[in-house]
PDB file of N, CA and C in Angstrom:
ATOM      1  N   MET A   1      48.564-130.325 -56.687  1.00  0.00           N
ATOM      2  CA  MET A   1      48.825-129.065 -57.338  1.00  0.00           C
ATOM      3  C   MET A   1      50.022-128.419 -56.662  1.00  0.00           C
ATOM      4  N   SER A   2      50.941-127.934 -57.429  1.00  0.00           N
ATOM      5  CA  SER A   2      52.143-127.349 -56.850  1.00  0.00           C
ATOM      6  C   SER A   2      51.889-125.917 -56.396  1.00  0.00           C
ATOM      7  N   ASP A   3      52.800-125.428 -55.552  1.00  0.00           N
ATOM      8  CA  ASP A   3      52.678-124.062 -55.050  1.00  0.00           C
ATOM      9  C   ASP A   3      52.720-123.038 -56.178  1.00  0.00           C
ATOM     10  N   GLU A   4      53.557-123.275 -57.187  1.00  0.00           N
ATOM     11  CA  GLU A   4      53.686-122.310 -58.273  1.00  0.00           C
ATOM     12  C   GLU A   4      52.381-122.152 -59.035  1.00  0.00           C
ATOM     13  N   SER A   5      51.671-123.250 -59.295  1.00  0.00           N
ATOM     14  CA  SER A   5      50.429-123.144 -60.055  1.00  0.00           C
ATOM     15  C   SER A   5      49.334-122.482 -59.215  1.00  0.00           C
ATOM     16  N   GLU A   6      49.315-122.724 -57.905  1.00  0.00           N
ATOM     17  CA  GLU A   6      48.322-122.077 -57.058  1.00  0.00           C
ATOM     18  C   GLU A   6      48.581-120.585 -56.974  1.00  0.00           C
ATOM     19  N   VAL A   7      49.839-120.190 -56.864  1.00  0.00           N
ATOM     20  CA  VAL A   7      50.184-118.765 -56.849  1.00  0.00           C
ATOM     21  C   VAL A   7      49.814-118.139 -58.188  1.00  0.00           C
ATOM     22  N   GLY A   8      50.062-118.844 -59.270  1.00  0.00           N
ATOM     23  CA  GLY A   8      49.700-118.342 -60.595  1.00  0.00           C
ATOM     24  C   GLY A   8      48.209-118.127 -60.749  1.00  0.00           C
ATOM     25  N   ILE A   9      47.413-119.030 -60.201  1.00  0.00           N
ATOM     26  CA  ILE A   9      45.963-118.883 -60.264  1.00  0.00           C
ATOM     27  C   ILE A   9      45.509-117.650 -59.487  1.00  0.00           C
ATOM     28  N   VAL A  10      46.073-117.470 -58.293  1.00  0.00           N
ATOM     29  CA  VAL A  10      45.709-116.305 -57.481  1.00  0.00           C
ATOM     30  C   VAL A  10      46.063-115.019 -58.218  1.00  0.00           C
ATOM     31  N   LEU A  11      47.267-114.950 -58.782  1.00  0.00           N
ATOM     32  CA  LEU A  11      47.694-113.738 -59.475  1.00  0.00           C
ATOM     33  C   LEU A  11      46.924-113.515 -60.777  1.00  0.00           C
ATOM     34  N   ALA A  12      46.522-114.592 -61.446  1.00  0.00           N
ATOM     35  CA  ALA A  12      45.744-114.447 -62.676  1.00  0.00           C
ATOM     36  C   ALA A  12      44.353-113.888 -62.399  1.00  0.00           C
ATOM     37  N   ASN A  13      43.815-114.157 -61.229  1.00  0.00           N
ATOM     38  CA  ASN A  13      42.476-113.660 -60.884  1.00  0.00           C
ATOM     39  C   ASN A  13      42.501-112.260 -60.275  1.00  0.00           C
ATOM     40  N   ALA A  14      43.656-111.704 -60.020  1.00  0.00           N
ATOM     41  CA  ALA A  14      43.760-110.385 -59.389  1.00  0.00           C
ATOM     42  C   ALA A  14      43.067-109.273 -60.190  1.00  0.00           C
ATOM     43  N   PRO A  15      43.213-109.200 -61.515  1.00  0.00           N
ATOM     44  CA  PRO A  15      42.509-108.130 -62.242  1.00  0.00           C
ATOM     45  C   PRO A  15      40.988-108.237 -62.147  1.00  0.00           C
ATOM     46  N   ARG A  16      40.464-109.446 -62.169  1.00  0.00           N
ATOM     47  CA  ARG A  16      39.008-109.617 -62.033  1.00  0.00           C
ATOM     48  C   ARG A  16      38.534-109.191 -60.650  1.00  0.00           C
ATOM     49  N   LEU A  17      39.333-109.509 -59.633  1.00  0.00           N
ATOM     50  CA  LEU A  17      38.974-109.087 -58.283  1.00  0.00           C
ATOM     51  C   LEU A  17      38.972-107.565 -58.179  1.00  0.00           C
ATOM     52  N   GLU A  18      39.941-106.929 -58.840  1.00  0.00           N
ATOM     53  CA  GLU A  18      40.016-105.466 -58.783  1.00  0.00           C
ATOM     54  C   GLU A  18      38.802-104.824 -59.444  1.00  0.00           C
ATOM     55  N   ARG A  19      38.368-105.375 -60.565  1.00  0.00           N
ATOM     56  CA  ARG A  19      37.179-104.833 -61.223  1.00  0.00           C
ATOM     57  C   ARG A  19      35.926-105.066 -60.389  1.00  0.00           C
ATOM     58  N   ALA A  20      35.869-106.187 -59.691  1.00  0.00           N
ATOM     59  CA  ALA A  20      34.667-106.530 -58.932  1.00  0.00           C
ATOM     60  C   ALA A  20      34.587-105.815 -57.586  1.00  0.00           C
ATOM     61  N   PHE A  21      35.716-105.672 -56.893  1.00  0.00           N
ATOM     62  CA  PHE A  21      35.689-105.176 -55.519  1.00  0.00           C
ATOM     63  C   PHE A  21      36.411-103.855 -55.304  1.00  0.00           C
ATOM     64  N   GLY A  22      37.106-103.348 -56.302  1.00  0.00           N
ATOM     65  CA  GLY A  22      37.889-102.139 -56.118  1.00  0.00           C
ATOM     66  C   GLY A  22      39.321-102.488 -55.751  1.00  0.00           C
ATOM     67  N   PRO A  23      40.220-101.522 -55.865  1.00  0.00           N
ATOM     68  CA  PRO A  23      41.644-101.833 -55.693  1.00  0.00           C
ATOM     69  C   PRO A  23      42.049-102.226 -54.276  1.00  0.00           C
ATOM     70  N   LYS A  24      41.494-101.584 -53.257  1.00  0.00           N
ATOM     71  CA  LYS A  24      41.926-101.878 -51.887  1.00  0.00           C
ATOM     72  C   LYS A  24      41.477-103.268 -51.441  1.00  0.00           C
ATOM     73  N   LEU A  25      40.210-103.577 -51.635  1.00  0.00           N
ATOM     74  CA  LEU A  25      39.708-104.886 -51.221  1.00  0.00           C
ATOM     75  C   LEU A  25      40.311-106.001 -52.072  1.00  0.00           C
ATOM     76  N   ALA A  26      40.531-105.734 -53.350  1.00  0.00           N
ATOM     77  CA  ALA A  26      41.158-106.733 -54.226  1.00  0.00           C
ATOM     78  C   ALA A  26      42.581-107.033 -53.776  1.00  0.00           C
ATOM     79  N   ALA A  27      43.310-106.006 -53.357  1.00  0.00           N
ATOM     80  CA  ALA A  27      44.675-106.223 -52.870  1.00  0.00           C
ATOM     81  C   ALA A  27      44.655-107.073 -51.606  1.00  0.00           C
ATOM     82  N   LEU A  28      43.713-106.802 -50.717  1.00  0.00           N
ATOM     83  CA  LEU A  28      43.599-107.591 -49.491  1.00  0.00           C
ATOM     84  C   LEU A  28      43.255-109.046 -49.802  1.00  0.00           C
ATOM     85  N   ILE A  29      42.288-109.261 -50.679  1.00  0.00           N
ATOM     86  CA  ILE A  29      41.894-110.629 -51.052  1.00  0.00           C
ATOM     87  C   ILE A  29      43.058-111.353 -51.724  1.00  0.00           C
ATOM     88  N   THR A  30      43.787-110.663 -52.582  1.00  0.00           N
ATOM     89  CA  THR A  30      44.932-111.273 -53.263  1.00  0.00           C
ATOM     90  C   THR A  30      46.028-111.654 -52.270  1.00  0.00           C
ATOM     91  N   LEU A  31      46.311-110.765 -51.319  1.00  0.00           N
ATOM     92  CA  LEU A  31      47.332-111.080 -50.310  1.00  0.00           C
ATOM     93  C   LEU A  31      46.915-112.277 -49.458  1.00  0.00           C
ATOM     94  N   ILE A  32      45.654-112.349 -49.086  1.00  0.00           N
ATOM     95  CA  ILE A  32      45.177-113.497 -48.313  1.00  0.00           C
ATOM     96  C   ILE A  32      45.279-114.764 -49.145  1.00  0.00           C
ATOM     97  N   GLY A  33      44.913-114.675 -50.416  1.00  0.00           N
ATOM     98  CA  GLY A  33      45.018-115.836 -51.299  1.00  0.00           C
ATOM     99  C   GLY A  33      46.449-116.312 -51.468  1.00  0.00           C
ATOM    100  N   LEU A  34      47.376-115.361 -51.604  1.00  0.00           N
ATOM    101  CA  LEU A  34      48.791-115.736 -51.715  1.00  0.00           C
ATOM    102  C   LEU A  34      49.300-116.362 -50.424  1.00  0.00           C
ATOM    103  N   TYR A  35      48.840-115.848 -49.295  1.00  0.00           N
ATOM    104  CA  TYR A  35      49.271-116.408 -48.013  1.00  0.00           C
ATOM    105  C   TYR A  35      48.824-117.859 -47.885  1.00  0.00           C
ATOM    106  N   PHE A  36      47.570-118.133 -48.220  1.00  0.00           N
ATOM    107  CA  PHE A  36      47.054-119.482 -48.059  1.00  0.00           C
ATOM    108  C   PHE A  36      47.451-120.423 -49.197  1.00  0.00           C
ATOM    109  N   ALA A  37      47.969-119.898 -50.310  1.00  0.00           N
ATOM    110  CA  ALA A  37      48.434-120.761 -51.403  1.00  0.00           C
ATOM    111  C   ALA A  37      49.703-121.501 -51.004  1.00  0.00           C
ATOM    112  N   ARG A  38      50.472-120.913 -50.104  1.00  0.00           N
ATOM    113  CA  ARG A  38      51.692-121.559 -49.615  1.00  0.00           C
ATOM    114  C   ARG A  38      51.390-122.195 -48.269  1.00  0.00           C
ATOM    115  N   ARG A  39      50.985-123.431 -48.294  1.00  0.00           N
ATOM    116  CA  ARG A  39      50.603-124.129 -47.072  1.00  0.00           C
ATOM    117  C   ARG A  39      51.833-124.520 -46.262  1.00  0.00           C
ATOM    118  N   ARG A  40      51.731-124.335 -44.961  1.00  0.00           N
ATOM    119  CA  ARG A  40      52.801-124.741 -44.053  1.00  0.00           C
ATOM    120  C   ARG A  40      52.337-125.983 -43.296  1.00  0.00           C
ATOM    121  N   PRO A  41      53.117-127.033 -43.303  1.00  0.00           N
ATOM    122  CA  PRO A  41      52.688-128.261 -42.631  1.00  0.00           C
ATOM    123  C   PRO A  41      52.840-128.172 -41.118  1.00  0.00           C
ATOM    124  N   GLY A  42      52.019-128.902 -40.430  1.00  0.00           N
ATOM    125  CA  GLY A  42      52.188-129.068 -38.992  1.00  0.00           C
ATOM    126  C   GLY A  42      51.454-128.063 -38.139  1.00  0.00           C
ATOM    127  N   LEU A  43      51.706-128.180 -36.859  1.00  0.00           N
ATOM    128  CA  LEU A  43      51.039-127.365 -35.858  1.00  0.00           C
ATOM    129  C   LEU A  43      51.441-125.890 -35.978  1.00  0.00           C
ATOM    130  N   LEU A  44      52.681-125.627 -36.293  1.00  0.00           N
ATOM    131  CA  LEU A  44      53.137-124.246 -36.429  1.00  0.00           C
ATOM    132  C   LEU A  44      52.397-123.529 -37.555  1.00  0.00           C
ATOM    133  N   GLY A  45      52.192-124.208 -38.660  1.00  0.00           N
ATOM    134  CA  GLY A  45      51.444-123.612 -39.771  1.00  0.00           C
ATOM    135  C   GLY A  45      50.003-123.339 -39.408  1.00  0.00           C
ATOM    136  N   LEU A  46      49.392-124.256 -38.674  1.00  0.00           N
ATOM    137  CA  LEU A  46      48.015-124.064 -38.225  1.00  0.00           C
ATOM    138  C   LEU A  46      47.912-122.868 -37.288  1.00  0.00           C
ATOM    139  N   LEU A  47      48.851-122.748 -36.377  1.00  0.00           N
ATOM    140  CA  LEU A  47      48.862-121.625 -35.443  1.00  0.00           C
ATOM    141  C   LEU A  47      49.086-120.300 -36.182  1.00  0.00           C
ATOM    142  N   ALA A  48      49.993-120.283 -37.131  1.00  0.00           N
ATOM    143  CA  ALA A  48      50.256-119.067 -37.905  1.00  0.00           C
ATOM    144  C   ALA A  48      49.020-118.665 -38.704  1.00  0.00           C
ATOM    145  N   SER A  49      48.336-119.615 -39.308  1.00  0.00           N
ATOM    146  CA  SER A  49      47.118-119.316 -40.056  1.00  0.00           C
ATOM    147  C   SER A  49      46.030-118.769 -39.146  1.00  0.00           C
ATOM    148  N   PHE A  50      45.871-119.360 -37.980  1.00  0.00           N
ATOM    149  CA  PHE A  50      44.860-118.896 -37.035  1.00  0.00           C
ATOM    150  C   PHE A  50      45.162-117.464 -36.581  1.00  0.00           C
ATOM    151  N   LEU A  51      46.412-117.176 -36.260  1.00  0.00           N
ATOM    152  CA  LEU A  51      46.783-115.832 -35.829  1.00  0.00           C
ATOM    153  C   LEU A  51      46.591-114.812 -36.944  1.00  0.00           C
ATOM    154  N   PHE A  52      46.885-115.192 -38.170  1.00  0.00           N
ATOM    155  CA  PHE A  52      46.702-114.304 -39.312  1.00  0.00           C
ATOM    156  C   PHE A  52      45.231-113.957 -39.499  1.00  0.00           C
ATOM    157  N   VAL A  53      44.371-114.956 -39.450  1.00  0.00           N
ATOM    158  CA  VAL A  53      42.936-114.720 -39.617  1.00  0.00           C
ATOM    159  C   VAL A  53      42.394-113.909 -38.440  1.00  0.00           C
ATOM    160  N   ALA A  54      42.847-114.192 -37.232  1.00  0.00           N
ATOM    161  CA  ALA A  54      42.397-113.437 -36.057  1.00  0.00           C
ATOM    162  C   ALA A  54      42.815-111.972 -36.167  1.00  0.00           C
ATOM    163  N   ALA A  55      44.015-111.703 -36.645  1.00  0.00           N
ATOM    164  CA  ALA A  55      44.478-110.325 -36.808  1.00  0.00           C
ATOM    165  C   ALA A  55      43.649-109.592 -37.855  1.00  0.00           C
ATOM    166  N   LEU A  56      43.330-110.260 -38.957  1.00  0.00           N
ATOM    167  CA  LEU A  56      42.488-109.639 -39.974  1.00  0.00           C
ATOM    168  C   LEU A  56      41.089-109.356 -39.437  1.00  0.00           C
ATOM    169  N   ALA A  57      40.536-110.283 -38.685  1.00  0.00           N
ATOM    170  CA  ALA A  57      39.203-110.083 -38.107  1.00  0.00           C
ATOM    171  C   ALA A  57      39.218-108.920 -37.121  1.00  0.00           C
ATOM    172  N   LEU A  58      40.255-108.814 -36.320  1.00  0.00           N
ATOM    173  CA  LEU A  58      40.362-107.716 -35.359  1.00  0.00           C
ATOM    174  C   LEU A  58      40.466-106.368 -36.078  1.00  0.00           C
ATOM    175  N   GLN A  59      41.257-106.309 -37.136  1.00  0.00           N
ATOM    176  CA  GLN A  59      41.382-105.063 -37.896  1.00  0.00           C
ATOM    177  C   GLN A  59      40.055-104.680 -38.535  1.00  0.00           C
ATOM    178  N   ALA A  60      39.341-105.646 -39.087  1.00  0.00           N
ATOM    179  CA  ALA A  60      38.035-105.361 -39.696  1.00  0.00           C
ATOM    180  C   ALA A  60      37.042-104.893 -38.645  1.00  0.00           C
ATOM    181  N   TRP A  61      37.052-105.520 -37.476  1.00  0.00           N
ATOM    182  CA  TRP A  61      36.133-105.129 -36.406  1.00  0.00           C
ATOM    183  C   TRP A  61      36.426-103.709 -35.926  1.00  0.00           C
ATOM    184  N   ILE A  62      37.694-103.382 -35.756  1.00  0.00           N
ATOM    185  CA  ILE A  62      38.062-102.029 -35.333  1.00  0.00           C
ATOM    186  C   ILE A  62      37.653-101.004 -36.383  1.00  0.00           C
ATOM    187  N   LYS A  63      37.847-101.331 -37.645  1.00  0.00           N
ATOM    188  CA  LYS A  63      37.492-100.391 -38.717  1.00  0.00           C
ATOM    189  C   LYS A  63      35.980-100.189 -38.777  1.00  0.00           C
ATOM    190  N   LEU A  64      35.214-101.236 -38.595  1.00  0.00           N
ATOM    191  CA  LEU A  64      33.760-101.120 -38.666  1.00  0.00           C
ATOM    192  C   LEU A  64      33.197-100.378 -37.468  1.00  0.00           C
ATOM    193  N   ARG A  65      33.788-100.541 -36.307  1.00  0.00           N
ATOM    194  CA  ARG A  65      33.302 -99.859 -35.103  1.00  0.00           C
ATOM    195  C   ARG A  65      33.717 -98.396 -35.065  1.00  0.00           C
ATOM    196  N   GLY A  66      34.863 -98.087 -35.644  1.00  0.00           N
ATOM    197  CA  GLY A  66      35.432 -96.743 -35.536  1.00  0.00           C
ATOM    198  C   GLY A  66      34.977 -95.824 -36.558  1.00  0.00           C
TER     199      GLY A  66
END
C-alpha cells in the first residue's frame, strides 16, 4: 500500500473520529495516524517513533495528574 492511499484512509476517517470522540481527541488521533502512515525505514525511524510515543504518553500523564 502506498503512502498516499494510507494518508487518504486516515483523512477519510477523520469526520467519523470527530463524531465519535469530539474535535480535540479526533485531531490528536488523526495526527498520530498521519505520523505513522509515513513509515521511516531503519533505526532512526524506530527511535523517532519511540520518542514520539513517549512524548505523547508523558503529556497524557501530566494532564491526568494535574
